[in-house]
Protein backbone atom coordinates (compact mmCIF):
# COMPACT_ATOMS: atom_id res chain seq x y z
CA UNK A 1 0.00 0.00 0.00
CA UNK A 2 1.28 3.46 -0.93
CA UNK A 3 1.47 5.92 1.96
CA UNK A 4 3.20 8.81 0.16
CA UNK A 5 2.79 9.57 -3.50
CA UNK A 6 3.30 12.32 -6.08
CA UNK A 7 0.37 13.72 -7.99
CA UNK A 8 -0.61 16.99 -9.58
CA UNK A 9 -2.39 19.72 -7.67
CA UNK A 10 -3.44 21.68 -10.71
CA UNK A 11 -3.55 20.63 -14.32
CA UNK A 12 -1.23 21.76 -17.02
CA UNK A 13 -1.16 22.53 -20.70
CA UNK A 14 1.72 22.31 -23.14
CA UNK A 15 2.08 22.74 -26.86
CA UNK A 16 4.84 21.78 -29.28
CA UNK A 17 5.13 21.84 -33.08
CA UNK A 18 7.04 19.15 -34.96
CA UNK A 19 7.24 19.39 -38.77
CA UNK A 20 4.05 21.48 -38.88
CA UNK A 21 2.11 18.99 -36.72
CA UNK A 22 0.79 20.61 -33.55
CA UNK A 23 0.77 18.52 -30.35
CA UNK A 24 -1.32 19.88 -27.48
CA UNK A 25 -0.90 18.17 -24.09
CA UNK A 26 -3.58 18.63 -21.46
CA UNK A 27 -2.96 17.06 -18.05
CA UNK A 28 -5.31 16.75 -15.10
CA UNK A 29 -5.79 14.93 -11.85
CA UNK A 30 -8.15 11.94 -11.66
CA UNK A 31 -8.70 9.80 -8.58
CA UNK A 32 -10.97 7.28 -10.31
CA UNK A 33 -10.93 5.61 -13.71
CA UNK A 34 -14.35 7.13 -14.42
CA UNK A 35 -12.95 10.64 -13.89
CA UNK A 36 -10.01 9.87 -16.18
CA UNK A 37 -12.33 8.61 -18.93
CA UNK A 38 -14.60 11.63 -18.46
CA UNK A 39 -11.61 13.98 -18.85
CA UNK A 40 -10.49 12.16 -22.01
CA UNK A 41 -14.01 12.43 -23.46
CA UNK A 42 -14.08 16.13 -22.58
CA UNK A 43 -10.81 16.72 -24.46
CA UNK A 44 -12.09 14.75 -27.47
CA UNK A 45 -15.15 17.05 -27.58
CA UNK A 46 -13.02 20.17 -27.15
CA UNK A 47 -10.62 19.12 -29.92
CA UNK A 48 -13.19 17.31 -32.07
CA UNK A 49 -11.51 18.48 -35.30
CA UNK A 50 -8.09 17.02 -34.42
CA UNK A 51 -6.67 13.98 -36.17
CA UNK A 52 -5.78 12.17 -32.91
CA UNK A 53 -6.54 12.51 -29.17
CA UNK A 54 -4.16 10.02 -27.55
CA UNK A 55 -4.32 9.38 -23.83
CA UNK A 56 -2.68 7.75 -20.84
CA UNK A 57 -3.59 7.59 -17.19
CA UNK A 58 -2.45 6.14 -13.90
CA UNK A 59 -4.91 5.63 -11.06
CA UNK A 60 -3.01 4.22 -8.08
CA UNK A 61 -5.01 5.12 -5.02
CA UNK A 62 -6.87 3.01 -3.93
CA UNK A 63 -6.28 0.43 -6.72
CA UNK A 64 -3.64 0.37 -9.48
CA UNK A 65 -5.03 0.98 -12.98
CA UNK A 66 -2.88 2.07 -15.93
CA UNK A 67 -4.19 2.52 -19.45
CA UNK A 68 -3.13 4.14 -22.69
CA UNK A 69 -4.72 4.68 -26.09
CA UNK A 70 -2.99 5.48 -29.40
CA UNK A 71 -6.25 6.73 -31.02
CA UNK A 72 -5.31 5.69 -34.54
CA UNK A 73 -1.57 6.40 -34.38
CA UNK A 74 0.67 3.38 -35.11
CA UNK A 75 0.64 0.91 -32.23
CA UNK A 76 2.59 1.99 -29.14
CA UNK A 77 3.86 5.25 -30.67
CA UNK A 78 1.65 7.65 -28.69
CA UNK A 79 -0.15 6.34 -25.60
CA UNK A 80 2.68 4.14 -24.31
CA UNK A 81 5.35 6.89 -24.51
CA UNK A 82 2.91 9.20 -22.70
CA UNK A 83 2.37 6.58 -19.98
CA UNK A 84 6.14 6.09 -19.71
CA UNK A 85 6.60 9.81 -18.96
CA UNK A 86 3.95 9.73 -16.22
CA UNK A 87 5.51 6.60 -14.71
CA UNK A 88 9.01 8.06 -15.04
CA UNK A 89 7.89 11.07 -12.99
CA UNK A 90 6.40 8.60 -10.46
CA UNK A 91 3.01 10.30 -10.68
CA UNK A 92 -0.24 8.82 -9.41
CA UNK A 93 -3.90 9.70 -10.04
CA UNK A 94 -3.10 11.61 -13.22
CA UNK A 95 -4.46 11.64 -16.78
CA UNK A 96 -2.84 13.07 -19.92
CA UNK A 97 -4.35 13.71 -23.34
CA UNK A 98 -2.23 14.78 -26.29
CA UNK A 99 -4.13 16.17 -29.25
CA UNK A 100 -2.45 16.10 -32.65
CA UNK A 101 -3.30 18.34 -35.55
CA UNK A 102 -1.60 16.75 -38.57
CA UNK A 103 0.79 19.06 -40.40
CA UNK A 104 1.10 17.11 -43.63
CA UNK A 105 4.41 15.35 -42.92
CA UNK A 106 4.65 11.79 -41.63
CA UNK A 107 6.93 11.68 -38.59
CA UNK A 108 7.75 7.96 -38.53
CA UNK A 109 7.75 5.75 -35.46
CA UNK A 110 10.68 7.43 -33.71
CA UNK A 111 9.39 10.91 -34.51
CA UNK A 112 5.96 10.13 -33.09
CA UNK A 113 7.41 8.64 -29.91
CA UNK A 114 9.61 11.72 -29.37
CA UNK A 115 6.77 14.14 -30.15
CA UNK A 116 4.26 12.56 -27.77
CA UNK A 117 6.92 12.21 -25.06
CA UNK A 118 7.99 15.84 -25.41
CA UNK A 119 4.39 17.09 -25.44
CA UNK A 120 3.61 15.39 -22.11
CA UNK A 121 6.86 16.70 -20.61
CA UNK A 122 5.92 20.21 -21.75
CA UNK A 123 2.48 19.85 -20.17
CA UNK A 124 3.94 18.58 -16.89
CA UNK A 125 6.23 21.62 -16.70
CA UNK A 126 3.08 23.72 -16.37
CA UNK A 127 1.54 21.54 -13.64
CA UNK A 128 1.86 21.99 -9.92
CA UNK A 129 3.23 18.68 -8.64
CA UNK A 130 2.69 17.85 -4.97
CA UNK A 131 3.34 14.97 -2.61
CA UNK A 132 0.38 13.55 -0.73
CA UNK A 133 0.46 11.37 2.33
CA UNK A 134 -2.31 9.05 3.36
CA UNK A 135 -3.38 9.47 6.93
CA UNK A 136 -6.18 9.75 9.39
CA UNK A 137 -7.40 12.74 11.31
CA UNK A 138 -7.98 12.29 15.02
CA UNK A 139 -9.34 14.60 17.65
CA UNK A 140 -8.16 14.10 21.22
CA UNK A 141 -9.66 15.77 24.27
CA UNK A 142 -7.56 15.82 27.45
CA UNK A 143 -6.52 17.83 30.43
CA UNK A 144 -3.63 20.19 29.88
CA UNK A 145 -1.62 18.18 32.41
CA UNK A 146 -1.65 15.09 30.13
CA UNK A 147 -0.53 17.00 27.03
CA UNK A 148 3.17 16.25 27.60
CA UNK A 149 2.53 12.52 27.97
CA UNK A 150 0.40 12.41 24.79
CA UNK A 151 3.03 14.35 22.82
CA UNK A 152 5.70 11.93 24.03
CA UNK A 153 3.65 8.88 23.00
CA UNK A 154 2.94 10.37 19.58
CA UNK A 155 6.62 11.11 18.98
CA UNK A 156 7.60 7.59 20.07
CA UNK A 157 5.22 6.19 17.44
CA UNK A 158 6.52 8.76 14.90
CA UNK A 159 3.11 10.33 14.45
CA UNK A 160 3.42 13.99 13.44
C-alpha cells in the first residue's frame, strides 16, 4: 500500500510543433478511472476536429489501474510513450491527453514517440506537482496536564 505519492495539484497545458504537426498536451488529476475517462471524453469534444486525441492515465489510489490509447496512431507510438513519462515522474492519479493536428508530414515511429513524449513533458512543466500522504485525522480531548505525555507517546510512534 502506498502511503506517500506524487500527484498533480493543478492541471497543465503544453504545446509543441514538430514538422508542422501541432501537439497539445492537457494534463489533469483523476482519482478514479471514471474521472479519467470523463476527462479524455471532454478533451475529445473540445478538440473534435483534431486527427488524434491520444491518452494515458495512472490511477493508483486506492487500486492500481494504468491505461493508454494510441487513437489511430501506429501501435505503441503515442499512448505508451505518454504513460512512460507519467511513470518516469512517479506520478499517481493523473491523466494526460495529447491532441495532434496533422501538419502534412509523416513523422515515422521514432518521430511520433519523441513528439508525444515531449508534449507530455511540456504539459507537466506547467503543472503543480505535490506529494500527498495518506493518513487519518484524530481529535483528542484531554486535560492540559496530560498533554506532555500524549506528545511523548505520539513522537515515540513517529506520528506527526
